[in-house]
Amino acid sequence: MEPAWVNILGVGISAINMDIALETIEDWIAHHDPHYVCVTGVHGVMESQRDEHLRRIHNQAGLVTPDGMPLVWLSRLKGHRHVDRVYGPDLMVALCERSGVRRYRHFFYGGAEGVPEQLVANLRRRFPELQVAGAHSPPFRPLTPEEDEQAVQMINQAAPDIVWVGLSTPKQERWMAAHVGRVEAPVFIGVGAAFDFLAGRKRQAPRWMQRNGLEWLFRLLTEPRRLWRRYLVNNPLFVLLVLAQALGLRRYSLE
């Protein structure tokens, strides 16, 4: 049964928790039913306000996980009391842990040069039986059609069950939507900064900050030049738009 959706500014956020996410993804693998997962917080919702194509990509995803406490709180306010945060790094760790028994094959696509290899090394230390089909760091520039086809063939030859995509929003969402079906893996999961976090390249916010919706503050303090606009402009605007939606001053469709 497909999880319910919560309409947040025209983006359908899946009314899920970690257990439901894992159950859904494992069902796709079992039936080789191709889907992609957008791990989305306020940033992804706000980017979708400016980019109609990105909004449609989110709304065509198999799951759009609430990767941020504001989306969790809004989902609960709309009656979905079971919803909890499905955070990209936690989802990766949970699926890697389950893979020891189920023998899922993982491919890691994204990150700067050396990051996917370090990520794999860290995960293998933690989960010695992890089946790694491959890892690749593509160039930051757009790929030529020939390079893109080579990447597709490389991943298909590796025959993974799960392709982890760490290209940052919105690039990773566009990549997944364009390649689902061309790449034969049943599951794509766009996890962005999880590559850097689990590779040890960047620090994660303490759990108490994550639980209380303060991860944005931690990330802003650690990367102010890169992230100031995302958090100091997008976050207040998000609150205003959510209030307008709640009061019926603005209406949003999931179509």
Protein backbone atom coordinates (compact mmCIF):
# COMPACT_ATOMS: atom_id res chain seq x y z
CA MET A 1 0.00 0.00 0.00
CA GLU A 2 1.40 3.38 -1.04
CA PRO A 3 1.96 5.79 1.86
CA ALA A 4 -0.26 8.86 2.12
CA TRP A 5 1.04 12.26 0.99
CA VAL A 6 0.99 15.60 2.79
CA ASN A 7 0.68 18.67 0.58
CA ILE A 8 3.30 21.18 1.72
CA LEU A 9 3.42 24.13 -0.69
CA GLY A 10 2.51 21.86 -3.60
CA VAL A 11 5.13 19.22 -2.82
CA GLY A 12 3.80 15.83 -1.74
CA ILE A 13 5.73 14.75 1.35
CA SER A 14 5.33 11.07 2.20
CA ALA A 15 3.59 10.47 5.54
CA ILE A 16 6.18 7.96 6.70
CA ASN A 17 8.73 7.06 9.34
CA MET A 18 11.92 5.02 9.00
CA ASP A 19 10.17 1.65 9.31
CA ILE A 20 7.68 2.50 6.55
CA ALA A 21 10.46 3.84 4.31
CA LEU A 22 12.50 0.64 4.71
CA GLU A 23 9.48 -1.60 4.12
CA THR A 24 8.53 0.32 0.97
CA ILE A 25 12.05 0.29 -0.50
CA GLU A 26 12.52 -3.40 0.22
CA ASP A 27 9.23 -4.15 -1.54
CA TRP A 28 10.48 -2.32 -4.65
CA ILE A 29 13.68 -4.37 -4.59
CA ALA A 30 11.78 -7.63 -4.15
CA HIS A 31 9.55 -6.87 -7.15
CA HIS A 32 12.28 -5.07 -9.16
CA ASP A 33 9.89 -2.14 -9.38
CA PRO A 34 11.92 0.98 -10.35
CA HIS A 35 11.42 4.10 -8.23
CA TYR A 36 13.43 7.02 -6.94
CA VAL A 37 13.41 8.56 -3.47
CA CYS A 38 13.79 12.28 -2.82
CA VAL A 39 15.15 12.91 0.67
CA THR A 40 13.74 16.40 1.07
CA GLY A 41 13.73 19.15 3.66
CA VAL A 42 12.69 22.79 3.57
CA HIS A 43 15.42 23.50 0.99
CA GLY A 44 13.94 21.06 -1.53
CA VAL A 45 10.41 22.39 -0.98
CA MET A 46 11.58 25.97 -1.49
CA GLU A 47 13.62 25.12 -4.58
CA SER A 48 10.42 23.58 -5.97
CA GLN A 49 8.63 26.94 -5.58
CA ARG A 50 11.05 28.44 -8.11
CA ASP A 51 11.31 25.42 -10.42
CA GLU A 52 8.10 23.79 -11.66
CA HIS A 53 10.03 20.92 -13.24
CA LEU A 54 11.68 20.13 -9.91
CA ARG A 55 8.27 20.21 -8.19
CA ARG A 56 6.93 17.69 -10.71
CA ILE A 57 10.00 15.49 -10.16
CA HIS A 58 9.24 15.42 -6.44
CA ASN A 59 5.59 14.61 -7.04
CA GLN A 60 6.45 11.73 -9.36
CA ALA A 61 8.86 10.14 -6.86
CA GLY A 62 8.11 6.86 -5.17
CA LEU A 63 8.82 8.50 -1.81
CA VAL A 64 9.58 12.04 -0.70
CA THR A 65 10.93 11.55 2.79
CA PRO A 66 10.51 14.25 5.47
CA ASP A 67 14.20 15.04 5.94
CA GLY A 68 13.72 17.89 8.37
CA MET A 69 11.68 18.48 11.50
CA PRO A 70 9.51 21.29 10.02
CA LEU A 71 8.11 18.78 7.50
CA VAL A 72 7.58 16.25 10.30
CA TRP A 73 5.76 18.79 12.48
CA LEU A 74 3.53 19.93 9.61
CA SER A 75 2.68 16.31 8.73
CA ARG A 76 1.70 15.61 12.34
CA LEU A 77 -0.42 18.76 12.48
CA LYS A 78 -2.31 17.44 9.45
CA GLY A 79 -3.21 14.26 11.33
CA HIS A 80 -0.34 11.90 10.51
CA ARG A 81 0.86 11.31 14.06
CA HIS A 82 3.16 8.43 13.08
CA VAL A 83 5.39 10.57 10.85
CA ASP A 84 9.00 10.90 11.91
CA ARG A 85 12.13 12.21 10.29
CA VAL A 86 13.70 10.04 7.58
CA TYR A 87 17.17 11.57 7.44
CA GLY A 88 19.42 10.69 4.50
CA PRO A 89 22.46 9.45 6.47
CA ASP A 90 20.24 7.41 8.80
CA LEU A 91 18.41 5.85 5.84
CA MET A 92 21.72 4.87 4.26
CA VAL A 93 23.00 3.31 7.48
CA ALA A 94 19.72 1.43 8.05
CA LEU A 95 19.69 -0.05 4.54
CA CYS A 96 23.36 -0.97 4.72
CA GLU A 97 22.73 -2.71 8.04
CA ARG A 98 19.85 -4.73 6.58
CA SER A 99 21.93 -5.62 3.54
CA GLY A 100 24.09 -7.99 5.58
CA VAL A 101 21.22 -10.48 5.62
CA ARG A 102 19.42 -9.55 2.41
CA ARG A 103 22.60 -9.17 0.33
CA TYR A 104 21.51 -5.99 -1.41
CA ARG A 105 24.08 -4.57 -3.80
CA HIS A 106 24.88 -0.85 -3.47
CA PHE A 107 26.30 1.65 -5.96
CA PHE A 108 27.48 5.08 -4.77
CA TYR A 109 27.25 7.81 -7.44
CA GLY A 110 28.31 11.32 -6.53
CA GLY A 111 30.47 13.35 -4.21
CA ALA A 112 33.78 15.04 -4.90
CA GLU A 113 36.79 13.02 -6.04
CA GLY A 114 37.69 10.46 -3.39
CA VAL A 115 34.50 10.92 -1.36
CA PRO A 116 32.56 7.84 -2.56
CA GLU A 117 35.64 5.65 -2.01
CA GLN A 118 36.06 6.98 1.54
CA LEU A 119 32.35 6.53 2.16
CA VAL A 120 32.56 2.90 1.03
CA ALA A 121 35.60 2.28 3.24
CA ASN A 122 33.80 3.69 6.29
CA LEU A 123 30.64 1.70 5.61
CA ARG A 124 32.60 -1.52 5.10
CA ARG A 125 34.34 -1.05 8.42
CA ARG A 126 30.93 -0.75 10.02
CA PHE A 127 29.22 -3.45 7.94
CA PRO A 128 31.86 -5.98 6.80
CA GLU A 129 29.36 -7.99 4.73
CA LEU A 130 28.18 -4.97 2.73
CA GLN A 131 27.92 -5.76 -0.99
CA VAL A 132 29.38 -2.79 -2.92
CA ALA A 133 28.65 -2.93 -6.64
CA GLY A 134 30.66 0.21 -7.39
CA ALA A 135 31.42 3.84 -6.63
CA HIS A 136 31.92 6.76 -8.98
CA SER A 137 32.47 10.50 -8.62
CA PRO A 138 31.25 12.24 -11.81
CA PRO A 139 32.63 15.64 -12.82
CA PHE A 140 30.75 18.70 -11.53
CA ARG A 141 30.17 19.98 -15.07
CA PRO A 142 27.29 18.61 -17.18
CA LEU A 143 28.18 15.29 -18.78
CA THR A 144 28.32 14.91 -22.53
CA PRO A 145 25.79 12.42 -23.98
CA GLU A 146 28.66 9.97 -24.49
CA GLU A 147 29.84 10.32 -20.87
CA ASP A 148 26.30 9.94 -19.61
CA GLU A 149 25.81 6.75 -21.61
CA GLN A 150 29.10 5.39 -20.26
CA ALA A 151 27.91 6.08 -16.71
CA VAL A 152 24.61 4.28 -17.40
CA GLN A 153 26.43 1.25 -18.81
CA MET A 154 28.88 1.21 -15.89
CA ILE A 155 26.07 1.14 -13.33
CA ASN A 156 24.03 -1.41 -15.27
CA GLN A 157 27.02 -3.74 -15.58
CA ALA A 158 27.51 -3.50 -11.81
CA ALA A 159 23.86 -4.64 -11.33
CA PRO A 160 23.09 -2.83 -8.04
CA ASP A 161 19.82 -3.03 -6.14
CA ILE A 162 20.23 0.49 -4.75
CA VAL A 163 21.93 3.48 -6.37
CA TRP A 164 22.81 6.16 -3.81
CA VAL A 165 23.01 9.57 -5.49
CA GLY A 166 24.99 12.34 -3.80
CA LEU A 167 24.88 15.27 -6.21
CA SER A 168 23.04 17.84 -3.99
CA THR A 169 19.59 19.33 -4.58
CA PRO A 170 18.29 19.92 -7.23
CA LYS A 171 20.91 18.20 -9.41
CA GLN A 172 20.44 14.77 -7.86
CA GLU A 173 16.63 14.87 -8.23
CA ARG A 174 16.94 15.77 -11.90
CA TRP A 175 19.50 13.00 -12.43
CA MET A 176 17.31 10.35 -10.80
CA ALA A 177 14.20 11.35 -12.75
CA ALA A 178 16.14 11.30 -16.03
CA HIS A 179 17.76 7.91 -15.38
CA VAL A 180 15.06 5.80 -13.73
CA GLY A 181 14.37 3.10 -16.33
CA ARG A 182 17.63 3.72 -18.20
CA VAL A 183 19.59 2.56 -15.20
CA GLU A 184 18.14 -0.83 -14.39
CA ALA A 185 18.43 -0.70 -10.59
CA PRO A 186 15.07 -0.83 -8.80
CA VAL A 187 15.89 1.94 -6.33
CA PHE A 188 17.56 5.37 -6.55
CA ILE A 189 17.95 7.39 -3.36
CA GLY A 190 19.16 11.01 -3.48
CA VAL A 191 20.93 11.73 -0.21
CA GLY A 192 23.06 14.81 -0.92
CA ALA A 193 25.34 15.66 1.99
CA ALA A 194 25.10 12.12 3.42
CA PHE A 195 28.12 11.24 1.26
CA ASP A 196 30.24 13.90 2.98
CA PHE A 197 28.85 13.19 6.44
CA LEU A 198 29.39 9.43 6.38
CA ALA A 199 32.73 9.78 4.58
CA GLY A 200 33.89 11.95 7.50
CA ARG A 201 34.39 15.04 5.34
CA LYS A 202 31.79 17.15 7.17
CA ARG A 203 30.44 17.14 10.73
CA GLN A 204 26.81 16.29 11.43
CA ALA A 205 24.76 18.35 13.83
CA PRO A 206 24.38 16.86 17.33
CA ARG A 207 21.29 14.69 17.70
CA TRP A 208 19.63 17.14 20.09
CA MET A 209 19.86 19.86 17.46
CA GLN A 210 18.47 17.53 14.80
CA ARG A 211 15.53 16.49 17.00
CA ASN A 212 14.65 20.10 17.77
CA GLY A 213 14.80 21.43 14.23
CA LEU A 214 18.09 23.26 14.70
CA GLU A 215 20.28 21.41 12.22
CA TRP A 216 20.00 24.38 9.87
CA LEU A 217 21.71 26.56 12.50
CA PHE A 218 24.57 24.11 12.94
CA ARG A 219 25.12 23.89 9.18
CA LEU A 220 24.91 27.67 8.80
CA LEU A 221 27.58 28.15 11.47
CA THR A 222 29.87 25.57 9.86
CA GLU A 223 29.41 26.78 6.23
CA PRO A 224 28.14 30.39 6.40
CA ARG A 225 29.35 31.57 2.98
CA ARG A 226 27.76 28.67 1.12
CA LEU A 227 24.55 28.31 3.10
CA TRP A 228 23.55 31.77 4.37
CA ARG A 229 21.06 32.43 1.59
CA ARG A 230 19.49 28.97 1.87
CA TYR A 231 18.72 29.39 5.57
CA LEU A 232 18.41 33.14 6.22
CA VAL A 233 16.24 33.80 3.16
CA ASN A 234 14.49 30.48 2.47
CA ASN A 235 13.52 29.56 6.04
CA PRO A 236 11.57 32.77 6.88
CA LEU A 237 9.90 32.67 3.46
CA PHE A 238 8.94 29.03 4.02
CA VAL A 239 7.21 29.95 7.29
CA LEU A 240 5.26 32.77 5.60
CA LEU A 241 4.13 30.54 2.72
CA VAL A 242 3.09 27.74 5.07
CA LEU A 243 1.01 30.20 7.09
CA ALA A 244 -0.60 31.48 3.89
CA GLN A 245 -1.41 27.89 2.85
CA ALA A 246 -2.85 27.08 6.31
CA LEU A 247 -5.06 30.20 6.27
CA GLY A 248 -6.30 29.45 2.76
CA LEU A 249 -4.69 32.56 1.33
CA ARG A 250 -2.71 30.46 -1.14
CA ARG A 251 -3.68 27.11 -2.60
CA TYR A 252 -1.28 24.52 -3.94
CA SER A 253 -1.97 21.53 -6.15
CA LEU A 254 0.03 18.30 -6.30
CA GLU A 255 -0.72 17.98 -10.02
